[in-house]
Amino acid sequence: MIQSGWFTLTLAMSTSTHPSSFHWPTRGAAVPRLGWAGVLPFAFLAVAAVFRINLPGFEARALLVDYGAVILSFMGGVQWGLAMSRSRNEGIGSQVYTISVLPALLGFAAAQFSPVIALPVLVIGFCGLLAFDLWTVREGLAPEWYRSLRLQLTTAVVVCLMIAWLF
């Protein structure tokens, strides 16, 4: 147990290394809310891009590319974490770790180009990562509820990116 004036954290560790000893926590109501909160900047910046509303010193589409690169990288990190939580017990190969790094590399590469090029590259990245996310659910590497959440959030993100790119 870790205690401070601000919080108390209790750590429970299992000594079992059998794959069945790992249990996914129940998804709290905060998970979808936080996911949708992460979509709000995509929506705001897509609308700003369509109406040519720029923040002082920043072009909305360029900010959208930067934010998209950050979130794509974050989502790759989610896959890295899923692999780490399971690899010791289930022989996850290095290819899963390699795939989890690709979104960060693609996001970084996209951010080096103009929005005309970067936005469709990000769309490809998010769609590719969605395919991998769905595979991890199918293989039992991610919880079943993750499928629906990823489908919803990725669809919203891709729509926002495409709107900003097309208009």
Protein backbone atom coordinates (compact mmCIF):
# COMPACT_ATOMS: atom_id res chain seq x y z
CA MET A 1 0.00 0.00 0.00
CA ILE A 2 1.27 3.48 -0.92
CA GLN A 3 -0.16 6.42 0.99
CA SER A 4 0.26 10.13 0.69
CA GLY A 5 -1.76 13.16 1.65
CA TRP A 6 -3.43 13.05 -1.76
CA PHE A 7 -4.20 9.38 -2.40
CA THR A 8 -3.95 5.79 -1.26
CA LEU A 9 -2.86 3.15 -3.74
CA THR A 10 -3.07 -0.54 -2.96
CA LEU A 11 -1.09 -2.85 -5.19
CA ALA A 12 -2.13 -6.47 -5.42
CA MET A 13 0.28 -8.77 -7.18
CA SER A 14 -0.37 -12.33 -8.18
CA THR A 15 2.47 -14.78 -7.85
CA SER A 16 0.95 -17.11 -10.41
CA THR A 17 2.41 -17.03 -13.90
CA HIS A 18 -0.29 -19.17 -15.47
CA PRO A 19 -2.16 -17.38 -18.31
CA SER A 20 -5.50 -17.90 -16.59
CA SER A 21 -4.27 -15.90 -13.58
CA PHE A 22 -4.56 -12.66 -15.53
CA HIS A 23 -8.02 -11.06 -15.44
CA TRP A 24 -9.04 -7.92 -17.23
CA PRO A 25 -10.58 -5.35 -14.93
CA THR A 26 -14.18 -4.45 -15.52
CA ARG A 27 -14.42 -1.49 -17.84
CA GLY A 28 -15.56 1.51 -15.88
CA ALA A 29 -17.86 4.20 -17.20
CA ALA A 30 -14.84 6.50 -17.48
CA VAL A 31 -13.27 4.50 -20.32
CA PRO A 32 -15.77 5.38 -23.07
CA ARG A 33 -16.11 8.93 -21.74
CA LEU A 34 -12.36 9.46 -21.87
CA GLY A 35 -12.24 7.93 -25.34
CA TRP A 36 -14.92 10.28 -26.62
CA ALA A 37 -13.26 13.21 -24.87
CA GLY A 38 -10.20 12.37 -26.95
CA VAL A 39 -12.33 12.64 -30.10
CA LEU A 40 -13.47 16.18 -29.25
CA PRO A 41 -10.24 17.88 -30.43
CA PHE A 42 -10.53 15.98 -33.73
CA ALA A 43 -14.09 17.26 -34.18
CA PHE A 44 -13.26 20.82 -33.09
CA LEU A 45 -10.22 21.05 -35.38
CA ALA A 46 -12.06 19.45 -38.33
CA VAL A 47 -14.85 22.04 -38.03
CA ALA A 48 -12.26 24.80 -37.66
CA ALA A 49 -10.49 23.52 -40.78
CA VAL A 50 -13.70 23.44 -42.83
CA PHE A 51 -14.60 27.01 -41.86
CA ARG A 52 -10.97 28.20 -42.10
CA ILE A 53 -10.96 29.22 -38.44
CA ASN A 54 -7.38 29.28 -37.26
CA LEU A 55 -6.04 29.84 -33.80
CA PRO A 56 -3.60 32.75 -33.53
CA GLY A 57 -0.35 31.50 -35.05
CA PHE A 58 -1.73 28.04 -35.84
CA GLU A 59 -3.51 26.59 -38.83
CA ALA A 60 -6.34 24.24 -37.80
CA ARG A 61 -5.42 21.47 -40.24
CA ALA A 62 -1.79 21.51 -39.10
CA LEU A 63 -2.92 21.23 -35.48
CA LEU A 64 -5.19 18.37 -36.47
CA VAL A 65 -2.22 16.56 -37.99
CA ASP A 66 -0.17 17.08 -34.84
CA TYR A 67 -2.97 15.90 -32.56
CA GLY A 68 -3.65 12.92 -34.83
CA ALA A 69 0.03 11.94 -34.71
CA VAL A 70 0.02 12.12 -30.91
CA ILE A 71 -3.13 10.02 -30.57
CA LEU A 72 -1.95 7.48 -33.15
CA SER A 73 1.25 7.12 -31.14
CA PHE A 74 -0.75 6.77 -27.91
CA MET A 75 -2.89 4.03 -29.43
CA GLY A 76 0.23 2.15 -30.51
CA GLY A 77 1.36 2.43 -26.89
CA VAL A 78 -1.89 0.80 -25.82
CA GLN A 79 -0.96 -2.19 -27.96
CA TRP A 80 2.53 -2.24 -26.45
CA GLY A 81 0.95 -2.35 -23.00
CA LEU A 82 -1.40 -5.14 -24.00
CA ALA A 83 1.55 -7.15 -25.30
CA MET A 84 3.55 -6.55 -22.13
CA SER A 85 0.70 -7.65 -19.91
CA ARG A 86 0.36 -10.94 -21.74
CA SER A 87 3.72 -11.78 -23.31
CA ARG A 88 5.34 -13.51 -20.34
CA ASN A 89 2.49 -15.93 -20.05
CA GLU A 90 1.49 -16.53 -23.63
CA GLY A 91 4.63 -16.33 -25.72
CA ILE A 92 3.74 -13.12 -27.56
CA GLY A 93 6.33 -12.73 -30.28
CA SER A 94 8.39 -9.69 -31.09
CA GLN A 95 6.16 -8.98 -34.11
CA VAL A 96 3.39 -7.74 -31.78
CA TYR A 97 5.82 -5.29 -30.18
CA THR A 98 7.06 -4.23 -33.60
CA ILE A 99 3.54 -3.59 -34.83
CA SER A 100 2.79 -1.55 -31.70
CA VAL A 101 5.65 0.83 -32.52
CA LEU A 102 4.58 1.44 -36.13
CA PRO A 103 1.76 3.90 -35.30
CA ALA A 104 4.22 6.25 -33.55
CA LEU A 105 6.61 6.09 -36.49
CA LEU A 106 3.81 6.68 -38.99
CA GLY A 107 2.41 9.56 -36.94
CA PHE A 108 5.84 11.17 -36.69
CA ALA A 109 6.37 10.78 -40.45
CA ALA A 110 2.93 12.23 -41.21
CA ALA A 111 3.65 15.28 -39.04
CA GLN A 112 6.59 16.14 -41.30
CA PHE A 113 4.33 16.77 -44.31
CA SER A 114 1.67 19.27 -45.23
CA PRO A 115 -1.89 18.42 -44.14
CA VAL A 116 -2.79 17.52 -47.73
CA ILE A 117 -0.45 14.54 -47.47
CA ALA A 118 -0.49 13.97 -43.71
CA LEU A 119 -4.26 13.68 -43.17
CA PRO A 120 -4.75 10.67 -45.48
CA VAL A 121 -1.59 9.08 -44.05
CA LEU A 122 -3.13 9.38 -40.59
CA VAL A 123 -6.36 7.86 -41.89
CA ILE A 124 -4.38 4.88 -43.17
CA GLY A 125 -2.61 4.64 -39.81
CA PHE A 126 -5.81 4.69 -37.77
CA CYS A 127 -7.50 2.15 -40.07
CA GLY A 128 -4.48 -0.15 -39.96
CA LEU A 129 -4.31 0.11 -36.19
CA LEU A 130 -8.04 -0.63 -35.97
CA ALA A 131 -7.46 -3.84 -37.93
CA PHE A 132 -4.73 -4.81 -35.47
CA ASP A 133 -6.92 -3.84 -32.50
CA LEU A 134 -9.68 -6.11 -33.79
CA TRP A 135 -7.17 -8.93 -34.26
CA THR A 136 -6.02 -8.58 -30.65
CA VAL A 137 -9.62 -8.90 -29.47
CA ARG A 138 -10.20 -11.94 -31.72
CA GLU A 139 -7.04 -13.57 -30.33
CA GLY A 140 -8.07 -12.87 -26.74
CA LEU A 141 -5.21 -10.42 -26.19
CA ALA A 142 -7.61 -7.55 -25.51
CA PRO A 143 -10.98 -7.56 -23.76
CA GLU A 144 -14.12 -8.07 -25.83
CA TRP A 145 -15.51 -4.59 -25.02
CA TYR A 146 -12.44 -3.06 -26.72
CA ARG A 147 -13.80 -4.05 -30.17
CA SER A 148 -16.89 -1.85 -29.96
CA LEU A 149 -15.02 1.06 -28.42
CA ARG A 150 -12.27 1.00 -31.04
CA LEU A 151 -14.79 0.74 -33.91
CA GLN A 152 -16.75 3.74 -32.65
CA LEU A 153 -13.79 5.97 -31.83
CA THR A 154 -11.77 5.12 -34.94
CA THR A 155 -14.79 5.75 -37.16
CA ALA A 156 -15.29 9.17 -35.58
CA VAL A 157 -11.58 10.03 -35.88
CA VAL A 158 -11.38 8.92 -39.52
CA VAL A 159 -14.50 10.92 -40.41
CA CYS A 160 -12.99 14.04 -38.80
CA LEU A 161 -9.67 13.58 -40.58
CA MET A 162 -11.39 12.99 -43.94
CA ILE A 163 -13.63 16.04 -43.56
CA ALA A 164 -10.61 18.23 -42.84
CA TRP A 165 -8.77 16.73 -45.81
CA LEU A 166 -11.63 16.99 -48.31
CA PHE A 167 -12.81 20.48 -47.42
